[in-house]
Amino acid sequence: MTKDELFLLIKDALDADNQIDINASADNIPEWDSLGHLSVLTALDDATDGKASSLSDLSDATSVTKIVSILEAEEII
């Protein structure tokens, strides 16, 4: 998965009106509420064939920067 694919996945999961980039977070994307976060986690898990569900740090990651950091550390992106 590339970063651009991740940005699109998050945008689709949130059904966000705004463009998603590395600076997007729950603080600046209105659709990124608790339900939106669950949608992001579910979409990530589907896109990674279940690998994302084993990454407990993702549950607290409410920014694209943090998600990218976690996924890079696990060599998913």
C-alpha atoms as a PDB file:
ATOM      1  CA  MET A   1       0.000   0.000   0.000  1.00  0.00           C
ATOM      2  CA  THR A   2       1.292   3.456  -0.874  1.00  0.00           C
ATOM      3  CA  LYS A   3       0.660   6.612   1.123  1.00  0.00           C
ATOM      4  CA  ASP A   4      -1.624   7.906  -1.635  1.00  0.00           C
ATOM      5  CA  GLU A   5      -3.633   4.684  -1.472  1.00  0.00           C
ATOM      6  CA  LEU A   6      -3.844   5.084   2.303  1.00  0.00           C
ATOM      7  CA  PHE A   7      -5.077   8.677   1.945  1.00  0.00           C
ATOM      8  CA  LEU A   8      -7.788   7.530  -0.461  1.00  0.00           C
ATOM      9  CA  LEU A   9      -8.738   4.621   1.811  1.00  0.00           C
ATOM     10  CA  ILE A  10      -9.167   6.994   4.766  1.00  0.00           C
ATOM     11  CA  LYS A  11     -11.121   9.502   2.665  1.00  0.00           C
ATOM     12  CA  ASP A  12     -13.470   6.732   1.484  1.00  0.00           C
ATOM     13  CA  ALA A  13     -13.809   5.192   4.960  1.00  0.00           C
ATOM     14  CA  LEU A  14     -14.763   8.554   6.431  1.00  0.00           C
ATOM     15  CA  ASP A  15     -16.852   9.569   3.425  1.00  0.00           C
ATOM     16  CA  ALA A  16     -15.000  12.854   3.879  1.00  0.00           C
ATOM     17  CA  ASP A  17     -15.671  15.964   1.844  1.00  0.00           C
ATOM     18  CA  ASN A  18     -12.142  17.256   2.472  1.00  0.00           C
ATOM     19  CA  GLN A  19      -9.022  15.973   0.783  1.00  0.00           C
ATOM     20  CA  ILE A  20      -7.038  13.644   3.034  1.00  0.00           C
ATOM     21  CA  ASP A  21      -3.291  14.183   3.258  1.00  0.00           C
ATOM     22  CA  ILE A  22      -0.509  13.666   5.792  1.00  0.00           C
ATOM     23  CA  ASN A  23      -1.838  16.564   7.921  1.00  0.00           C
ATOM     24  CA  ALA A  24      -5.386  15.198   8.272  1.00  0.00           C
ATOM     25  CA  SER A  25      -6.554  14.220  11.734  1.00  0.00           C
ATOM     26  CA  ALA A  26      -9.598  13.954  13.951  1.00  0.00           C
ATOM     27  CA  ASP A  27      -8.947  17.585  14.871  1.00  0.00           C
ATOM     28  CA  ASN A  28      -9.439  18.941  11.358  1.00  0.00           C
ATOM     29  CA  ILE A  29     -11.697  16.402   9.598  1.00  0.00           C
ATOM     30  CA  PRO A  30     -15.265  16.666  10.937  1.00  0.00           C
ATOM     31  CA  GLU A  31     -16.177  13.155   9.772  1.00  0.00           C
ATOM     32  CA  TRP A  32     -13.352  11.654  11.864  1.00  0.00           C
ATOM     33  CA  ASP A  33     -15.356  10.999  15.016  1.00  0.00           C
ATOM     34  CA  SER A  34     -15.489   7.749  16.982  1.00  0.00           C
ATOM     35  CA  LEU A  35     -17.639   6.008  14.374  1.00  0.00           C
ATOM     36  CA  GLY A  36     -15.441   7.378  11.598  1.00  0.00           C
ATOM     37  CA  HIS A  37     -12.379   6.052  13.369  1.00  0.00           C
ATOM     38  CA  LEU A  38     -13.919   2.576  13.502  1.00  0.00           C
ATOM     39  CA  SER A  39     -14.599   2.841   9.773  1.00  0.00           C
ATOM     40  CA  VAL A  40     -10.951   3.737   9.152  1.00  0.00           C
ATOM     41  CA  LEU A  41      -9.743   0.794  11.260  1.00  0.00           C
ATOM     42  CA  THR A  42     -12.105  -1.607   9.477  1.00  0.00           C
ATOM     43  CA  ALA A  43     -11.032  -0.367   6.044  1.00  0.00           C
ATOM     44  CA  LEU A  44      -7.359  -0.681   7.020  1.00  0.00           C
ATOM     45  CA  ASP A  45      -7.905  -4.202   8.278  1.00  0.00           C
ATOM     46  CA  ASP A  46      -9.685  -5.187   5.055  1.00  0.00           C
ATOM     47  CA  ALA A  47      -6.959  -3.607   2.900  1.00  0.00           C
ATOM     48  CA  THR A  48      -4.168  -5.359   4.803  1.00  0.00           C
ATOM     49  CA  ASP A  49      -5.805  -8.800   4.882  1.00  0.00           C
ATOM     50  CA  GLY A  50      -6.224  -8.646   8.649  1.00  0.00           C
ATOM     51  CA  LYS A  51      -2.731  -7.399   9.520  1.00  0.00           C
ATOM     52  CA  ALA A  52      -4.004  -4.055  10.842  1.00  0.00           C
ATOM     53  CA  SER A  53      -6.163  -5.694  13.511  1.00  0.00           C
ATOM     54  CA  SER A  54      -3.043  -6.981  15.253  1.00  0.00           C
ATOM     55  CA  LEU A  55      -1.612  -3.457  15.589  1.00  0.00           C
ATOM     56  CA  SER A  56      -3.014  -2.217  18.888  1.00  0.00           C
ATOM     57  CA  ASP A  57      -1.437   1.235  18.434  1.00  0.00           C
ATOM     58  CA  LEU A  58      -3.826   1.922  15.553  1.00  0.00           C
ATOM     59  CA  SER A  59      -6.783   2.139  17.920  1.00  0.00           C
ATOM     60  CA  ASP A  60      -5.331   5.354  19.388  1.00  0.00           C
ATOM     61  CA  ALA A  61      -4.029   6.789  16.103  1.00  0.00           C
ATOM     62  CA  THR A  62      -6.307   9.706  15.248  1.00  0.00           C
ATOM     63  CA  SER A  63      -4.070  11.324  12.656  1.00  0.00           C
ATOM     64  CA  VAL A  64      -2.788  10.281   9.271  1.00  0.00           C
ATOM     65  CA  THR A  65       0.761  11.013  10.441  1.00  0.00           C
ATOM     66  CA  LYS A  66       0.438   8.516  13.305  1.00  0.00           C
ATOM     67  CA  ILE A  67      -1.208   5.872  11.099  1.00  0.00           C
ATOM     68  CA  VAL A  68       1.556   6.229   8.511  1.00  0.00           C
ATOM     69  CA  SER A  69       4.193   5.934  11.232  1.00  0.00           C
ATOM     70  CA  ILE A  70       2.666   2.730  12.590  1.00  0.00           C
ATOM     71  CA  LEU A  71       2.193   1.172   9.153  1.00  0.00           C
ATOM     72  CA  GLU A  72       5.733   2.093   8.085  1.00  0.00           C
ATOM     73  CA  ALA A  73       7.173   0.542  11.263  1.00  0.00           C
ATOM     74  CA  GLU A  74       5.350  -2.683  10.386  1.00  0.00           C
ATOM     75  CA  GLU A  75       6.471  -2.407   6.732  1.00  0.00           C
ATOM     76  CA  ILE A  76       2.875  -2.346   5.517  1.00  0.00           C
ATOM     77  CA  ILE A  77       3.519   0.838   3.563  1.00  0.00           C
END
